[in-house]
Amino acid sequence: MKNIVIASIIGIIVFAVIATVAVGGYVMSVFNRADSLVTLYNGKLETNKADFDNMTKVISQSAQVSKAQMDKLKEIYNSYAEARTGTAASDAIMKWVQESVPNVDTSVMSNLQNIIVANRNGWTERQRELVGITVEYNTMLKVRPSKWVLSGYSKLDPVVITSEDTVQTFNSKQENNIKLDL
């Protein structure tokens, strides 16, 4: 009988130790996952700032190249128009115009459009990643038992960069047709 009591006590102690280790491991994994998500979120937020800065610079600088080309073309065409309407229109002016008028390379505009689309799509994907991290983290704060473990943790609010048009659409719950200026 004494052996049965001792074996029972040892069994209870072993069970308690295993349960404590299991619960402690769970608690530790919840803390680690929450802290990892916050760290990942903050890192991606900083990366997004750098990516947004790069995106705006690439688009702006690419557009400036095409704008410079368009300004030069406009200058040449204006000179041509002035020469044709002037009283001194001569073969020399026509020859100058033929030598000066460049071929319009539409690939610059196509390239700019591709740059904009690629950068915007990449930016949108990074915004989705931030929202996904936020959803996972905030879910941990709402569901049991991780809710109990993380009782002192604060909710994350994703930083989503959007436009005035998008805000207006979501506030009004109505979408207006997109009008292209061609």
N, C-alpha and C. Protein backbone atom coordinates (compact mmCIF):
# COMPACT_ATOMS: atom_id res chain seq x y z
N MET A 1 0.82 -1.18 0.00
CA MET A 1 0.00 0.00 0.00
C MET A 1 0.87 1.25 0.00
N LYS A 2 1.95 1.20 0.78
CA LYS A 2 2.86 2.33 0.87
C LYS A 2 3.48 2.60 -0.50
N ASN A 3 3.81 1.56 -1.26
CA ASN A 3 4.40 1.71 -2.59
C ASN A 3 3.41 2.34 -3.56
N ILE A 4 2.14 1.99 -3.40
CA ILE A 4 1.10 2.54 -4.28
C ILE A 4 0.95 4.04 -4.02
N VAL A 5 0.97 4.45 -2.79
CA VAL A 5 0.86 5.87 -2.42
C VAL A 5 2.06 6.64 -2.96
N ILE A 6 3.25 6.08 -2.77
CA ILE A 6 4.47 6.75 -3.26
C ILE A 6 4.43 6.84 -4.78
N ALA A 7 4.02 5.77 -5.45
CA ALA A 7 3.93 5.77 -6.91
C ALA A 7 2.89 6.78 -7.38
N SER A 8 1.79 6.90 -6.67
CA SER A 8 0.75 7.87 -7.03
C SER A 8 1.26 9.29 -6.87
N ILE A 9 1.96 9.55 -5.77
CA ILE A 9 2.52 10.89 -5.53
C ILE A 9 3.55 11.24 -6.61
N ILE A 10 4.40 10.28 -6.94
CA ILE A 10 5.41 10.51 -7.99
C ILE A 10 4.71 10.76 -9.33
N GLY A 11 3.67 9.99 -9.62
CA GLY A 11 2.90 10.17 -10.86
C GLY A 11 2.27 11.56 -10.93
N ILE A 12 1.72 11.99 -9.79
CA ILE A 12 1.10 13.33 -9.75
C ILE A 12 2.15 14.40 -9.95
N ILE A 13 3.31 14.23 -9.33
CA ILE A 13 4.40 15.21 -9.47
C ILE A 13 4.89 15.25 -10.91
N VAL A 14 5.08 14.07 -11.52
CA VAL A 14 5.54 14.01 -12.91
C VAL A 14 4.51 14.66 -13.83
N PHE A 15 3.23 14.37 -13.61
CA PHE A 15 2.17 14.97 -14.41
C PHE A 15 2.18 16.50 -14.25
N ALA A 16 2.34 16.98 -13.02
CA ALA A 16 2.36 18.41 -12.76
C ALA A 16 3.55 19.07 -13.45
N VAL A 17 4.70 18.42 -13.41
CA VAL A 17 5.89 18.97 -14.05
C VAL A 17 5.68 19.02 -15.57
N ILE A 18 5.17 17.93 -16.14
CA ILE A 18 4.93 17.90 -17.59
C ILE A 18 3.89 18.96 -17.98
N ALA A 19 2.82 19.08 -17.22
CA ALA A 19 1.79 20.08 -17.50
C ALA A 19 2.37 21.49 -17.39
N THR A 20 3.19 21.73 -16.39
CA THR A 20 3.81 23.05 -16.20
C THR A 20 4.73 23.37 -17.37
N VAL A 21 5.52 22.40 -17.78
CA VAL A 21 6.43 22.61 -18.91
C VAL A 21 5.63 22.87 -20.19
N ALA A 22 4.55 22.10 -20.39
CA ALA A 22 3.72 22.28 -21.58
C ALA A 22 3.06 23.66 -21.60
N VAL A 23 2.47 24.05 -20.47
CA VAL A 23 1.82 25.36 -20.39
C VAL A 23 2.87 26.46 -20.53
N GLY A 24 4.01 26.29 -19.87
CA GLY A 24 5.09 27.29 -19.98
C GLY A 24 5.59 27.40 -21.41
N GLY A 25 5.71 26.26 -22.09
CA GLY A 25 6.13 26.28 -23.49
C GLY A 25 5.13 26.99 -24.38
N TYR A 26 3.85 26.73 -24.12
CA TYR A 26 2.80 27.41 -24.89
C TYR A 26 2.85 28.92 -24.67
N VAL A 27 2.94 29.31 -23.41
CA VAL A 27 2.99 30.74 -23.07
C VAL A 27 4.21 31.39 -23.73
N MET A 28 5.34 30.72 -23.66
CA MET A 28 6.56 31.26 -24.27
C MET A 28 6.39 31.38 -25.79
N SER A 29 5.77 30.38 -26.43
CA SER A 29 5.59 30.45 -27.88
C SER A 29 4.63 31.57 -28.27
N VAL A 30 3.60 31.81 -27.46
CA VAL A 30 2.67 32.90 -27.75
C VAL A 30 3.39 34.24 -27.64
N PHE A 31 4.17 34.43 -26.58
CA PHE A 31 4.93 35.68 -26.43
C PHE A 31 5.91 35.86 -27.60
N ASN A 32 6.61 34.78 -27.93
CA ASN A 32 7.59 34.86 -29.02
C ASN A 32 6.93 35.19 -30.35
N ARG A 33 5.80 34.56 -30.64
CA ARG A 33 5.10 34.82 -31.90
C ARG A 33 4.60 36.26 -31.96
N ALA A 34 4.02 36.74 -30.87
CA ALA A 34 3.53 38.11 -30.83
C ALA A 34 4.68 39.10 -31.01
N ASP A 35 5.76 38.88 -30.29
CA ASP A 35 6.92 39.79 -30.41
C ASP A 35 7.52 39.72 -31.81
N SER A 36 7.55 38.53 -32.40
CA SER A 36 8.07 38.39 -33.76
C SER A 36 7.21 39.13 -34.76
N LEU A 37 5.89 39.05 -34.59
CA LEU A 37 4.99 39.76 -35.50
C LEU A 37 5.15 41.27 -35.39
N VAL A 38 5.29 41.77 -34.17
CA VAL A 38 5.50 43.22 -33.99
C VAL A 38 6.80 43.65 -34.64
N THR A 39 7.85 42.87 -34.43
CA THR A 39 9.15 43.19 -35.03
C THR A 39 9.07 43.13 -36.55
N LEU A 40 8.42 42.10 -37.10
CA LEU A 40 8.24 41.97 -38.54
C LEU A 40 7.44 43.14 -39.09
N TYR A 41 6.37 43.52 -38.41
CA TYR A 41 5.53 44.63 -38.84
C TYR A 41 6.36 45.93 -38.89
N ASN A 42 7.09 46.21 -37.82
CA ASN A 42 7.89 47.44 -37.78
C ASN A 42 8.96 47.44 -38.86
N GLY A 43 9.58 46.28 -39.10
CA GLY A 43 10.58 46.19 -40.16
C GLY A 43 9.98 46.42 -41.54
N LYS A 44 8.83 45.81 -41.80
CA LYS A 44 8.17 46.00 -43.09
C LYS A 44 7.67 47.43 -43.26
N LEU A 45 7.24 48.04 -42.17
CA LEU A 45 6.80 49.43 -42.26
C LEU A 45 7.96 50.33 -42.68
N GLU A 46 9.13 50.12 -42.11
CA GLU A 46 10.31 50.91 -42.48
C GLU A 46 10.72 50.61 -43.93
N THR A 47 10.64 49.34 -44.31
CA THR A 47 10.94 48.96 -45.69
C THR A 47 9.96 49.62 -46.64
N ASN A 48 8.69 49.67 -46.26
CA ASN A 48 7.69 50.31 -47.10
C ASN A 48 7.99 51.79 -47.30
N LYS A 49 8.49 52.45 -46.26
CA LYS A 49 8.84 53.86 -46.41
C LYS A 49 9.94 54.02 -47.47
N ALA A 50 10.94 53.16 -47.39
CA ALA A 50 12.03 53.22 -48.36
C ALA A 50 11.52 52.87 -49.76
N ASP A 51 10.68 51.85 -49.86
CA ASP A 51 10.14 51.45 -51.16
C ASP A 51 9.25 52.54 -51.76
N PHE A 52 8.45 53.18 -50.93
CA PHE A 52 7.59 54.26 -51.43
C PHE A 52 8.44 55.42 -51.95
N ASP A 53 9.47 55.77 -51.19
CA ASP A 53 10.37 56.83 -51.60
C ASP A 53 11.02 56.48 -52.94
N ASN A 54 11.50 55.25 -53.06
CA ASN A 54 12.13 54.80 -54.30
C ASN A 54 11.13 54.82 -55.45
N MET A 55 9.92 54.32 -55.20
CA MET A 55 8.90 54.27 -56.24
C MET A 55 8.60 55.66 -56.77
N THR A 56 8.40 56.61 -55.88
CA THR A 56 8.06 57.97 -56.33
C THR A 56 9.23 58.60 -57.09
N LYS A 57 10.45 58.32 -56.66
CA LYS A 57 11.61 58.87 -57.36
C LYS A 57 11.78 58.24 -58.73
N VAL A 58 11.63 56.92 -58.83
CA VAL A 58 11.78 56.25 -60.13
C VAL A 58 10.73 56.77 -61.11
N ILE A 59 9.50 56.85 -60.66
CA ILE A 59 8.43 57.33 -61.55
C ILE A 59 8.69 58.79 -61.94
N SER A 60 9.03 59.61 -60.97
CA SER A 60 9.28 61.02 -61.24
C SER A 60 10.45 61.21 -62.19
N GLN A 61 11.54 60.50 -61.93
CA GLN A 61 12.72 60.67 -62.77
C GLN A 61 12.49 60.10 -64.17
N SER A 62 11.76 59.01 -64.26
CA SER A 62 11.44 58.45 -65.58
C SER A 62 10.53 59.41 -66.35
N ALA A 63 9.60 60.03 -65.66
CA ALA A 63 8.69 60.98 -66.30
C ALA A 63 9.44 62.22 -66.76
N GLN A 64 10.45 62.63 -66.00
CA GLN A 64 11.21 63.82 -66.39
C GLN A 64 11.96 63.60 -67.69
N VAL A 65 12.46 62.39 -67.91
CA VAL A 65 13.14 62.10 -69.16
C VAL A 65 12.17 62.27 -70.32
N SER A 66 10.99 61.69 -70.20
CA SER A 66 10.03 61.82 -71.30
C SER A 66 9.53 63.25 -71.42
N LYS A 67 9.39 63.96 -70.31
CA LYS A 67 8.97 65.36 -70.37
C LYS A 67 10.03 66.19 -71.09
N ALA A 68 11.29 65.93 -70.81
CA ALA A 68 12.36 66.65 -71.48
C ALA A 68 12.31 66.39 -72.99
N GLN A 69 12.06 65.14 -73.36
CA GLN A 69 11.95 64.82 -74.78
C GLN A 69 10.75 65.52 -75.41
N MET A 70 9.64 65.52 -74.70
CA MET A 70 8.44 66.18 -75.21
C MET A 70 8.65 67.68 -75.33
N ASP A 71 9.33 68.30 -74.35
CA ASP A 71 9.61 69.74 -74.41
C ASP A 71 10.49 70.07 -75.61
N LYS A 72 11.49 69.23 -75.88
CA LYS A 72 12.37 69.46 -77.02
C LYS A 72 11.59 69.33 -78.33
N LEU A 73 10.75 68.31 -78.41
CA LEU A 73 9.93 68.10 -79.60
C LEU A 73 8.98 69.28 -79.81
N LYS A 74 8.38 69.78 -78.73
CA LYS A 74 7.47 70.91 -78.80
C LYS A 74 8.22 72.16 -79.31
N GLU A 75 9.42 72.35 -78.81
CA GLU A 75 10.24 73.49 -79.23
C GLU A 75 10.53 73.42 -80.74
N ILE A 76 10.86 72.23 -81.21
CA ILE A 76 11.17 72.06 -82.63
C ILE A 76 9.93 72.31 -83.48
N TYR A 77 8.80 71.74 -83.07
CA TYR A 77 7.57 71.93 -83.84
C TYR A 77 7.13 73.38 -83.83
N ASN A 78 7.29 74.05 -82.69
CA ASN A 78 6.93 75.48 -82.65
C ASN A 78 7.82 76.28 -83.61
N SER A 79 9.10 75.98 -83.63
CA SER A 79 10.01 76.66 -84.55
C SER A 79 9.61 76.39 -86.00
N TYR A 80 9.24 75.16 -86.28
CA TYR A 80 8.81 74.79 -87.63
C TYR A 80 7.55 75.57 -88.02
N ALA A 81 6.59 75.63 -87.10
CA ALA A 81 5.33 76.33 -87.40
C ALA A 81 5.59 77.81 -87.62
N GLU A 82 6.44 78.39 -86.80
CA GLU A 82 6.76 79.82 -86.97
C GLU A 82 7.46 80.06 -88.30
N ALA A 83 8.35 79.17 -88.67
CA ALA A 83 9.09 79.34 -89.92
C ALA A 83 8.16 79.20 -91.13
N ARG A 84 7.21 78.30 -91.06
CA ARG A 84 6.29 78.10 -92.18
C ARG A 84 5.35 79.28 -92.35
N THR A 85 4.95 79.88 -91.24
CA THR A 85 4.00 80.98 -91.35
C THR A 85 4.68 82.32 -91.56
N GLY A 86 5.98 82.37 -91.38
CA GLY A 86 6.71 83.63 -91.57
C GLY A 86 6.87 83.94 -93.05
N THR A 87 7.33 85.14 -93.35
CA THR A 87 7.49 85.57 -94.74
C THR A 87 8.80 85.07 -95.33
N ALA A 88 9.71 84.63 -94.49
CA ALA A 88 11.02 84.22 -94.99
C ALA A 88 11.15 82.71 -95.10
N ALA A 89 10.04 82.03 -95.33
CA ALA A 89 10.11 80.57 -95.46
C ALA A 89 10.95 80.23 -96.67
N SER A 90 11.97 79.43 -96.48
CA SER A 90 12.86 79.11 -97.60
C SER A 90 13.27 77.66 -97.52
N ASP A 91 13.99 77.24 -98.52
CA ASP A 91 14.48 75.87 -98.55
C ASP A 91 15.43 75.60 -97.37
N ALA A 92 16.14 76.58 -96.94
CA ALA A 92 17.07 76.40 -95.83
C ALA A 92 16.32 76.08 -94.54
N ILE A 93 15.20 76.76 -94.34
CA ILE A 93 14.40 76.50 -93.14
C ILE A 93 13.83 75.09 -93.21
N MET A 94 13.32 74.71 -94.37
CA MET A 94 12.75 73.37 -94.52
C MET A 94 13.81 72.31 -94.30
N LYS A 95 15.01 72.54 -94.78
CA LYS A 95 16.10 71.60 -94.58
C LYS A 95 16.43 71.50 -93.09
N TRP A 96 16.46 72.63 -92.38
CA TRP A 96 16.74 72.63 -90.94
C TRP A 96 15.67 71.84 -90.19
N VAL A 97 14.41 72.03 -90.59
CA VAL A 97 13.31 71.32 -89.94
C VAL A 97 13.46 69.82 -90.17
N GLN A 98 13.79 69.43 -91.41
CA GLN A 98 13.94 68.00 -91.69
C GLN A 98 15.07 67.40 -90.87
N GLU A 99 16.14 68.15 -90.65
CA GLU A 99 17.26 67.65 -89.86
C GLU A 99 16.95 67.66 -88.37
N SER A 100 16.12 68.58 -87.91
CA SER A 100 15.87 68.75 -86.49
C SER A 100 14.75 67.89 -85.93
N VAL A 101 13.76 67.59 -86.75
CA VAL A 101 12.60 66.88 -86.22
C VAL A 101 13.00 65.43 -85.93
N PRO A 102 12.98 65.07 -84.66
CA PRO A 102 13.37 63.70 -84.32
C PRO A 102 12.20 62.75 -84.52
N ASN A 103 12.52 61.50 -84.61
CA ASN A 103 11.47 60.49 -84.60
C ASN A 103 10.94 60.40 -83.19
N VAL A 104 9.64 60.42 -83.05
CA VAL A 104 9.04 60.33 -81.73
C VAL A 104 9.10 58.88 -81.29
N ASP A 105 9.77 58.66 -80.19
CA ASP A 105 9.93 57.30 -79.66
C ASP A 105 8.87 57.07 -78.58
N THR A 106 7.83 56.35 -78.96
CA THR A 106 6.74 56.09 -78.00
C THR A 106 7.13 55.06 -76.96
N SER A 107 8.27 54.41 -77.13
CA SER A 107 8.69 53.41 -76.14
C SER A 107 8.99 54.07 -74.79
N VAL A 108 9.34 55.35 -74.81
CA VAL A 108 9.60 56.05 -73.54
C VAL A 108 8.33 56.08 -72.70
N MET A 109 7.20 56.42 -73.33
CA MET A 109 5.94 56.46 -72.60
C MET A 109 5.50 55.06 -72.19
N SER A 110 5.69 54.09 -73.07
CA SER A 110 5.36 52.70 -72.73
C SER A 110 6.21 52.22 -71.56
N ASN A 111 7.48 52.58 -71.60
CA ASN A 111 8.38 52.20 -70.51
C ASN A 111 7.93 52.85 -69.20
N LEU A 112 7.55 54.12 -69.27
CA LEU A 112 7.07 54.82 -68.08
C LEU A 112 5.81 54.15 -67.53
N GLN A 113 4.90 53.78 -68.40
CA GLN A 113 3.69 53.09 -67.96
C GLN A 113 4.03 51.76 -67.28
N ASN A 114 4.98 51.02 -67.85
CA ASN A 114 5.39 49.75 -67.25
C ASN A 114 6.03 49.96 -65.88
N ILE A 115 6.83 51.00 -65.77
CA ILE A 115 7.47 51.32 -64.49
C ILE A 115 6.41 51.64 -63.43
N ILE A 116 5.44 52.46 -63.82
CA ILE A 116 4.37 52.83 -62.88
C ILE A 116 3.58 51.61 -62.46
N VAL A 117 3.16 50.79 -63.40
CA VAL A 117 2.36 49.61 -63.07
C VAL A 117 3.14 48.65 -62.19
N ALA A 118 4.38 48.37 -62.54
CA ALA A 118 5.19 47.43 -61.75
C ALA A 118 5.41 47.95 -60.34
N ASN A 119 5.75 49.22 -60.22
CA ASN A 119 5.99 49.79 -58.89
C ASN A 119 4.72 49.83 -58.05
N ARG A 120 3.62 50.21 -58.66
CA ARG A 120 2.36 50.27 -57.92
C ARG A 120 1.91 48.88 -57.48
N ASN A 121 2.06 47.88 -58.35
CA ASN A 121 1.68 46.52 -57.97
C ASN A 121 2.55 46.00 -56.83
N GLY A 122 3.84 46.27 -56.91
CA GLY A 122 4.75 45.88 -55.82
C GLY A 122 4.39 46.57 -54.52
N TRP A 123 4.09 47.85 -54.61
CA TRP A 123 3.70 48.63 -53.44
C TRP A 123 2.43 48.06 -52.81
N THR A 124 1.45 47.75 -53.65
CA THR A 124 0.19 47.19 -53.16
C THR A 124 0.43 45.87 -52.44
N GLU A 125 1.30 45.04 -52.98
CA GLU A 125 1.60 43.75 -52.34
C GLU A 125 2.24 43.96 -50.96
N ARG A 126 3.13 44.92 -50.85
CA ARG A 126 3.76 45.20 -49.55
C ARG A 126 2.75 45.76 -48.55
N GLN A 127 1.79 46.53 -49.03
CA GLN A 127 0.73 47.01 -48.15
C GLN A 127 -0.12 45.84 -47.65
N ARG A 128 -0.39 44.89 -48.54
CA ARG A 128 -1.15 43.69 -48.14
C ARG A 128 -0.40 42.89 -47.09
N GLU A 129 0.91 42.79 -47.23
CA GLU A 129 1.71 42.06 -46.24
C GLU A 129 1.56 42.71 -44.85
N LEU A 130 1.62 44.02 -44.80
CA LEU A 130 1.46 44.73 -43.52
C LEU A 130 0.09 44.44 -42.91
N VAL A 131 -0.94 44.49 -43.73
CA VAL A 131 -2.29 44.21 -43.24
C VAL A 131 -2.38 42.76 -42.75
N GLY A 132 -1.77 41.83 -43.48
CA GLY A 132 -1.79 40.42 -43.08
C GLY A 132 -1.12 40.19 -41.74
N ILE A 133 0.02 40.83 -41.52
CA ILE A 133 0.72 40.72 -40.23
C ILE A 133 -0.16 41.28 -39.13
N THR A 134 -0.77 42.42 -39.39
CA THR A 134 -1.64 43.06 -38.40
C THR A 134 -2.83 42.17 -38.05
N VAL A 135 -3.44 41.56 -39.05
CA VAL A 135 -4.58 40.69 -38.81
C VAL A 135 -4.16 39.50 -37.94
N GLU A 136 -3.04 38.88 -38.27
CA GLU A 136 -2.57 37.73 -37.48
C GLU A 136 -2.30 38.13 -36.04
N TYR A 137 -1.60 39.24 -35.85
CA TYR A 137 -1.25 39.70 -34.51
C TYR A 137 -2.51 40.06 -33.72
N ASN A 138 -3.39 40.86 -34.32
CA ASN A 138 -4.61 41.28 -33.61
C ASN A 138 -5.54 40.10 -33.31
N THR A 139 -5.51 39.09 -34.16
CA THR A 139 -6.29 37.88 -33.89
C THR A 139 -5.77 37.19 -32.63
N MET A 140 -4.45 37.17 -32.47
CA MET A 140 -3.87 36.57 -31.26
C MET A 140 -4.36 37.31 -30.01
N LEU A 141 -4.62 38.60 -30.13
CA LEU A 141 -5.08 39.39 -28.98
C LEU A 141 -6.57 39.15 -28.68
N LYS A 142 -7.28 38.54 -29.64
CA LYS A 142 -8.72 38.36 -29.47
C LYS A 142 -9.14 36.95 -29.10
N VAL A 143 -8.38 35.95 -29.52
CA VAL A 143 -8.80 34.56 -29.31
C VAL A 143 -8.16 33.97 -28.06
N ARG A 144 -8.92 33.08 -27.43
CA ARG A 144 -8.42 32.40 -26.24
C ARG A 144 -7.66 31.16 -26.66
N PRO A 145 -6.67 30.74 -26.02
CA PRO A 145 -6.09 31.23 -24.77
C PRO A 145 -5.01 32.30 -24.95
N SER A 146 -4.58 32.57 -26.23
CA SER A 146 -3.53 33.57 -26.41
C SER A 146 -3.96 34.94 -25.91
N LYS A 147 -5.25 35.22 -25.93
CA LYS A 147 -5.78 36.48 -25.42
C LYS A 147 -5.40 36.67 -23.95
N TRP A 148 -5.47 35.59 -23.19
CA TRP A 148 -5.14 35.67 -21.76
C TRP A 148 -3.65 35.90 -21.56
N VAL A 149 -2.85 35.24 -22.38
CA VAL A 149 -1.39 35.37 -22.25
C VAL A 149 -0.95 36.78 -22.62
N LEU A 150 -1.57 37.37 -23.64
CA LEU A 150 -1.15 38.68 -24.17
C LEU A 150 -1.99 39.83 -23.65
N SER A 151 -2.52 39.69 -22.46
CA SER A 151 -3.45 40.69 -21.94
C SER A 151 -2.87 42.10 -21.87
N GLY A 152 -1.58 42.26 -21.74
CA GLY A 152 -0.98 43.60 -21.65
C GLY A 152 -0.53 44.15 -22.99
N TYR A 153 -0.69 43.41 -24.05
CA TYR A 153 -0.23 43.84 -25.38
C TYR A 153 -1.25 44.76 -26.03
N SER A 154 -0.76 45.70 -26.84
CA SER A 154 -1.63 46.65 -27.54
C SER A 154 -1.89 46.18 -28.96
N LYS A 155 -3.05 46.55 -29.46
CA LYS A 155 -3.46 46.24 -30.82
C LYS A 155 -2.58 47.01 -31.81
N LEU A 156 -2.31 46.41 -32.96
CA LEU A 156 -1.61 47.10 -34.05
C LEU A 156 -2.64 47.70 -34.99
N ASP A 157 -2.41 48.91 -35.44
CA ASP A 157 -3.23 49.53 -36.47
C ASP A 157 -2.36 49.67 -37.71
N PRO A 158 -2.73 48.98 -38.78
CA PRO A 158 -1.87 49.02 -39.97
C PRO A 158 -1.81 50.41 -40.57
N VAL A 159 -0.62 50.76 -41.03
CA VAL A 159 -0.43 52.02 -41.74
C VAL A 159 -0.62 51.71 -43.22
N VAL A 160 -1.77 52.08 -43.75
CA VAL A 160 -2.07 51.85 -45.15
C VAL A 160 -2.11 53.19 -45.85
N ILE A 161 -1.25 53.33 -46.85
CA ILE A 161 -1.20 54.57 -47.62
C ILE A 161 -2.24 54.44 -48.74
N THR A 162 -3.09 55.43 -48.83
CA THR A 162 -4.16 55.38 -49.83
C THR A 162 -4.38 56.78 -50.41
N SER A 163 -5.32 56.90 -51.32
CA SER A 163 -5.58 58.19 -51.96
C SER A 163 -6.88 58.81 -51.44
N GLU A 164 -7.04 60.08 -51.71
CA GLU A 164 -8.27 60.78 -51.32
C GLU A 164 -9.48 60.15 -52.02
N ASP A 165 -9.29 59.73 -53.27
CA ASP A 165 -10.40 59.11 -54.00
C ASP A 165 -10.85 57.82 -53.31
N THR A 166 -9.92 57.03 -52.84
CA THR A 166 -10.27 55.78 -52.17
C THR A 166 -11.00 56.06 -50.87
N VAL A 167 -10.51 57.01 -50.10
CA VAL A 167 -11.16 57.37 -48.84
C VAL A 167 -12.58 57.84 -49.11
N GLN A 168 -12.75 58.69 -50.12
CA GLN A 168 -14.08 59.21 -50.47
C GLN A 168 -15.00 58.07 -50.91
N THR A 169 -14.48 57.13 -51.69
CA THR A 169 -15.29 56.00 -52.15
C THR A 169 -15.76 55.16 -50.98
N PHE A 170 -14.87 54.86 -50.05
CA PHE A 170 -15.25 54.04 -48.90
C PHE A 170 -16.18 54.79 -47.95
N ASN A 171 -16.00 56.09 -47.82
CA ASN A 171 -16.90 56.87 -46.97
C ASN A 171 -18.30 56.97 -47.58
N SER A 172 -18.36 57.17 -48.88
CA SER A 172 -19.66 57.33 -49.54
C SER A 172 -20.29 55.99 -49.90
N LYS A 173 -19.49 54.93 -49.90
CA LYS A 173 -19.94 53.58 -50.29
C LYS A 173 -20.43 53.57 -51.75
N GLN A 174 -19.87 54.46 -52.56
CA GLN A 174 -20.19 54.52 -53.98
C GLN A 174 -18.91 54.71 -54.76
N GLU A 175 -18.83 54.01 -55.89
CA GLU A 175 -17.67 54.14 -56.75
C GLU A 175 -18.06 54.93 -57.99
N ASN A 176 -17.25 55.89 -58.33
CA ASN A 176 -17.46 56.65 -59.56
C ASN A 176 -16.60 56.02 -60.65
N ASN A 177 -17.06 56.17 -61.89
CA ASN A 177 -16.29 55.65 -63.00
C ASN A 177 -14.95 56.34 -63.06
N ILE A 178 -13.94 55.61 -63.44
CA ILE A 178 -12.62 56.19 -63.62
C ILE A 178 -12.60 56.91 -64.97
N LYS A 179 -12.18 58.16 -64.95
CA LYS A 179 -12.13 58.95 -66.17
C LYS A 179 -10.66 59.15 -66.54
N LEU A 180 -10.32 58.70 -67.72
CA LEU A 180 -8.95 58.84 -68.19
C LEU A 180 -8.81 60.11 -69.01
N ASP A 181 -7.74 60.86 -68.76
CA ASP A 181 -7.45 62.05 -69.55
C ASP A 181 -6.49 61.63 -70.66
N LEU A 182 -7.04 61.41 -71.82
CA LEU A 182 -6.20 60.97 -72.95
C LEU A 182 -5.97 62.09 -73.92
